Amino acid sequence: MLIKTIDGLEPADKSKMIADLFTDYNKVKAVMAQPKKNKKAYNYNYSPLDEVLRVIDTAIKDSGTNLSYTFETITGEGKAGTKVYIFSGNGAWLEFSDAMLPVSKNDAQGYGSALTYARRYTISSAFGIASEEDDDAQPISSPVTRRKTTRQAAPQRQQQPVKKPVIDDKTLINAEITYEGKKQSLLAVVKIAMTGSDIDKQLAGDYIKKLDSKTREMANEIVKRKLYEQPA
């Protein structure tokens, strides 16, 4: 996050502008409600972009501040993304890191989907909104589970569990996927999802969730065995 002001200000005026900006910014966050997570994708629920913007606009109005925000669209090299700016109205503003996504299809729909996701993610991050269910404590591709209350069933004969074939470390290390438009090792993408910056973690983790079940299982094995911690 960068803090910027208009040029040519005296140091005291600049400091006051920045202080006023953060005062208004914190006022908005203080009255911010969490959006409804009424959409479902893969194994988690999330808030659509229009719901996220609704709670932000409501918080700005309720806070009595002059904050506003805008998106800058960024495209190139098979990616689409956005950057968020938050303005105070007095000459100071916040500039947040951009989020870029690989475009799944090279058409308007593909770019539109990537931009919508990037806007939802960046604006949620800027205002501290949880627009997705928190499943960070689970393996990368495991579903969010909830306890269900059921009647106790009659005892059944115990069945022997079906043993899955063990995937050796060499197979996991050599596995490849297409990420950001080029071939990369699955191990490298998992490492980004586990140790990268907040935005890189989110993007890589969400990408892995969309892979086929076998590849997701391999990603989870890499996490369980901590292969991503090995030196390159």
Protein backbone atom coordinates (compact mmCIF):
# COMPACT_ATOMS: atom_id res chain seq x y z
CA MET A 1 0.00 0.00 0.00
CA LEU A 2 1.31 3.44 -0.95
CA ILE A 3 0.22 6.78 0.55
CA LYS A 4 0.23 9.68 -1.89
CA THR A 5 -0.71 13.37 -1.91
CA ILE A 6 -0.85 16.14 -4.45
CA ASP A 7 2.48 17.79 -5.26
CA GLY A 8 3.80 21.07 -3.85
CA LEU A 9 2.53 20.79 -0.28
CA GLU A 10 4.26 22.05 2.82
CA PRO A 11 5.32 19.17 5.13
CA ALA A 12 2.78 20.18 7.79
CA ASP A 13 -0.06 20.30 5.25
CA LYS A 14 0.98 16.95 3.80
CA SER A 15 1.04 15.34 7.24
CA LYS A 16 -2.44 16.68 8.04
CA MET A 17 -3.83 15.37 4.76
CA ILE A 18 -2.46 11.92 5.44
CA ALA A 19 -3.76 11.97 9.03
CA ASP A 20 -7.23 13.02 7.83
CA LEU A 21 -7.16 10.28 5.19
CA PHE A 22 -6.46 7.55 7.74
CA THR A 23 -9.02 8.97 10.15
CA ASP A 24 -11.73 8.70 7.50
CA TYR A 25 -10.41 5.31 6.33
CA ASN A 26 -10.64 3.89 9.86
CA LYS A 27 -14.09 5.39 10.37
CA VAL A 28 -15.34 3.53 7.31
CA LYS A 29 -13.75 0.26 8.40
CA ALA A 30 -15.24 0.67 11.88
CA VAL A 31 -18.82 0.62 10.54
CA MET A 32 -18.14 -1.94 7.80
CA ALA A 33 -20.48 -4.94 7.79
CA GLN A 34 -19.36 -8.24 6.35
CA PRO A 35 -21.04 -9.09 3.02
CA LYS A 36 -23.36 -12.05 2.56
CA LYS A 37 -21.58 -15.10 1.17
CA ASN A 38 -24.46 -16.15 -1.03
CA LYS A 39 -22.56 -17.59 -3.99
CA LYS A 40 -20.87 -20.98 -4.17
CA ALA A 41 -17.82 -22.04 -6.17
CA TYR A 42 -16.06 -25.38 -5.85
CA ASN A 43 -15.81 -26.10 -2.13
CA TYR A 44 -16.46 -22.69 -0.62
CA ASN A 45 -19.00 -19.88 -0.46
CA TYR A 46 -18.15 -16.31 -1.38
CA SER A 47 -19.61 -12.83 -1.72
CA PRO A 48 -20.14 -11.58 -5.29
CA LEU A 49 -18.61 -8.25 -6.32
CA ASP A 50 -21.91 -6.34 -6.22
CA GLU A 51 -22.51 -7.46 -2.61
CA VAL A 52 -18.99 -6.41 -1.61
CA LEU A 53 -19.44 -2.98 -3.21
CA ARG A 54 -22.83 -2.61 -1.54
CA VAL A 55 -21.42 -2.99 1.98
CA ILE A 56 -18.53 -0.63 1.17
CA ASP A 57 -20.83 2.08 -0.22
CA THR A 58 -23.12 1.69 2.79
CA ALA A 59 -20.19 2.02 5.22
CA ILE A 60 -18.89 5.15 3.47
CA LYS A 61 -22.35 6.72 3.67
CA ASP A 62 -22.87 5.72 7.33
CA SER A 63 -19.41 6.98 8.34
CA GLY A 64 -20.15 10.52 7.12
CA THR A 65 -16.77 10.72 5.36
CA ASN A 66 -15.86 11.83 1.83
CA LEU A 67 -13.96 8.66 0.92
CA SER A 68 -14.30 7.27 -2.58
CA TYR A 69 -12.61 4.51 -4.54
CA THR A 70 -11.89 3.51 -8.10
CA PHE A 71 -10.37 0.62 -10.06
CA GLU A 72 -7.60 0.72 -12.64
CA THR A 73 -7.86 -2.11 -15.18
CA ILE A 74 -4.60 -3.78 -16.21
CA THR A 75 -4.22 -6.33 -19.01
CA GLY A 76 -1.37 -7.92 -20.92
CA GLU A 77 0.45 -11.18 -21.67
CA GLY A 78 -2.64 -13.32 -21.24
CA LYS A 79 -3.49 -11.78 -17.86
CA ALA A 80 -6.11 -9.40 -16.57
CA GLY A 81 -6.18 -7.57 -13.27
CA THR A 82 -6.86 -4.39 -11.40
CA LYS A 83 -5.49 -1.89 -8.91
CA VAL A 84 -7.55 -0.11 -6.24
CA TYR A 85 -7.27 3.55 -5.24
CA ILE A 86 -9.02 5.07 -2.21
CA PHE A 87 -9.36 8.88 -2.20
CA SER A 88 -10.02 11.13 0.78
CA GLY A 89 -11.36 14.13 -1.14
CA ASN A 90 -8.70 16.44 0.35
CA GLY A 91 -5.79 15.61 -1.95
CA ALA A 92 -4.47 12.40 -0.37
CA TRP A 93 -5.08 8.83 -1.48
CA LEU A 94 -4.11 5.20 -0.93
CA GLU A 95 -2.78 3.06 -3.79
CA PHE A 96 -2.91 -0.71 -3.31
CA SER A 97 -0.91 -3.47 -5.01
CA ASP A 98 -2.40 -4.80 -8.23
CA ALA A 99 -3.71 -8.35 -8.60
CA MET A 100 -3.20 -10.11 -11.94
CA LEU A 101 -4.90 -13.34 -13.01
CA PRO A 102 -4.19 -15.65 -15.94
CA VAL A 103 -7.11 -15.50 -18.39
CA SER A 104 -8.74 -18.92 -18.76
CA LYS A 105 -10.10 -18.18 -22.25
CA ASN A 106 -8.80 -15.60 -24.71
CA ASP A 107 -12.16 -13.92 -25.22
CA ALA A 108 -14.36 -11.28 -23.61
CA GLN A 109 -15.84 -13.77 -21.15
CA GLY A 110 -12.42 -14.97 -20.02
CA TYR A 111 -11.13 -11.43 -19.46
CA GLY A 112 -14.39 -10.40 -17.79
CA SER A 113 -14.26 -13.28 -15.30
CA ALA A 114 -10.63 -12.54 -14.40
CA LEU A 115 -11.36 -8.83 -13.92
CA THR A 116 -14.41 -9.48 -11.76
CA TYR A 117 -12.45 -11.81 -9.49
CA ALA A 118 -9.50 -9.39 -9.28
CA ARG A 119 -11.78 -6.47 -8.41
CA ARG A 120 -13.56 -8.46 -5.71
CA TYR A 121 -10.28 -9.62 -4.21
CA THR A 122 -8.47 -6.26 -4.27
CA ILE A 123 -11.35 -4.14 -2.95
CA SER A 124 -12.07 -6.71 -0.21
CA SER A 125 -8.42 -6.69 0.81
CA ALA A 126 -8.27 -2.87 0.77
CA PHE A 127 -11.21 -2.52 3.18
CA GLY A 128 -10.51 -5.63 5.29
CA ILE A 129 -13.53 -7.56 4.08
CA ALA A 130 -13.73 -11.36 4.31
CA SER A 131 -15.46 -12.12 1.01
CA GLU A 132 -14.69 -15.85 1.11
CA GLU A 133 -14.97 -18.56 3.74
CA ASP A 134 -11.77 -18.94 5.74
CA ASP A 135 -10.39 -22.40 5.03
CA ASP A 136 -6.68 -21.54 5.39
CA ALA A 137 -6.23 -24.13 8.12
CA GLN A 138 -7.21 -26.94 5.77
CA PRO A 139 -5.22 -28.46 2.90
CA ILE A 140 -5.29 -26.42 -0.29
CA SER A 141 -8.14 -28.26 -1.98
CA SER A 142 -10.07 -29.73 0.95
CA PRO A 143 -13.76 -28.74 1.19
CA VAL A 144 -15.12 -26.67 4.05
CA THR A 145 -16.89 -29.18 6.28
CA ARG A 146 -19.64 -28.64 8.81
CA ARG A 147 -20.76 -30.95 11.58
CA LYS A 148 -24.14 -32.50 10.93
CA THR A 149 -26.46 -33.89 13.59
CA THR A 150 -27.92 -37.26 12.63
CA ARG A 151 -29.68 -40.10 14.38
CA GLN A 152 -27.37 -42.82 15.56
CA ALA A 153 -27.39 -45.57 13.00
CA ALA A 154 -27.47 -49.23 13.85
CA PRO A 155 -24.03 -50.78 14.19
CA GLN A 156 -22.72 -52.02 10.88
CA ARG A 157 -20.04 -54.48 10.06
CA GLN A 158 -16.74 -52.64 9.84
CA GLN A 159 -15.31 -52.59 6.36
CA GLN A 160 -11.64 -52.51 5.60
CA PRO A 161 -10.62 -49.10 4.22
CA VAL A 162 -9.58 -49.01 0.60
CA LYS A 163 -5.90 -48.21 0.41
CA LYS A 164 -4.92 -45.58 -2.12
CA PRO A 165 -1.68 -46.04 -4.01
CA VAL A 166 1.12 -43.98 -2.45
CA ILE A 167 2.49 -41.22 -4.67
CA ASP A 168 6.26 -41.14 -4.41
CA ASP A 169 8.14 -37.88 -3.82
CA LYS A 170 9.79 -37.94 -7.25
CA THR A 171 6.40 -37.96 -8.99
CA LEU A 172 5.25 -35.00 -6.90
CA ILE A 173 8.42 -33.01 -7.53
CA ASN A 174 8.29 -33.61 -11.31
CA ALA A 175 4.54 -32.90 -11.73
CA GLU A 176 3.78 -29.95 -14.04
CA ILE A 177 0.76 -27.72 -14.60
CA THR A 178 0.00 -24.69 -16.75
CA TYR A 179 0.02 -21.56 -14.57
CA GLU A 180 0.02 -17.95 -15.78
CA GLY A 181 0.10 -19.18 -19.36
CA LYS A 182 3.23 -21.35 -19.13
CA LYS A 183 4.37 -24.75 -17.91
CA GLN A 184 5.49 -24.70 -14.28
CA SER A 185 6.12 -27.38 -11.71
CA LEU A 186 3.21 -28.07 -9.38
CA LEU A 187 5.71 -27.83 -6.53
CA ALA A 188 6.62 -24.25 -7.48
CA VAL A 189 2.96 -23.16 -7.59
CA VAL A 190 2.26 -24.83 -4.23
CA LYS A 191 5.27 -22.98 -2.80
CA ILE A 192 3.76 -19.68 -3.98
CA ALA A 193 0.42 -20.65 -2.38
CA MET A 194 2.14 -21.41 0.93
CA THR A 195 4.94 -18.83 1.19
CA GLY A 196 4.27 -16.02 -1.31
CA SER A 197 2.85 -12.56 -0.69
CA ASP A 198 -0.79 -12.33 0.45
CA ILE A 199 -2.04 -11.71 -3.08
CA ASP A 200 0.18 -14.39 -4.63
CA LYS A 201 -0.95 -16.89 -1.99
CA GLN A 202 -4.60 -16.19 -2.73
CA LEU A 203 -4.23 -16.38 -6.50
CA ALA A 204 -2.10 -19.55 -6.51
CA GLY A 205 -4.29 -21.25 -3.90
CA ASP A 206 -7.50 -20.48 -5.78
CA TYR A 207 -5.92 -21.72 -9.02
CA ILE A 208 -4.98 -25.04 -7.41
CA LYS A 209 -8.54 -25.46 -6.12
CA LYS A 210 -9.76 -25.41 -9.73
CA LEU A 211 -7.48 -28.22 -10.92
CA ASP A 212 -8.67 -31.79 -11.42
CA SER A 213 -9.01 -34.02 -8.34
CA LYS A 214 -5.84 -36.01 -8.99
CA THR A 215 -3.68 -32.89 -9.30
CA ARG A 216 -5.29 -31.35 -6.20
CA GLU A 217 -4.48 -34.55 -4.30
CA MET A 218 -0.86 -34.26 -5.41
CA ALA A 219 -0.79 -30.62 -4.25
CA ASN A 220 -2.08 -31.66 -0.85
CA GLU A 221 0.58 -34.36 -0.60
CA ILE A 222 3.25 -31.75 -1.34
CA VAL A 223 1.86 -29.68 1.54
CA LYS A 224 1.60 -32.63 3.94
CA ARG A 225 5.16 -33.76 3.22
CA LYS A 226 6.42 -30.13 3.22
CA LEU A 227 8.24 -30.74 -0.06
CA TYR A 228 7.83 -27.04 -0.92
CA GLU A 229 10.25 -26.23 1.93
CA GLN A 230 13.10 -28.06 0.22
CA PRO A 231 15.73 -25.86 -1.45
CA ALA A 232 15.33 -25.48 -5.22
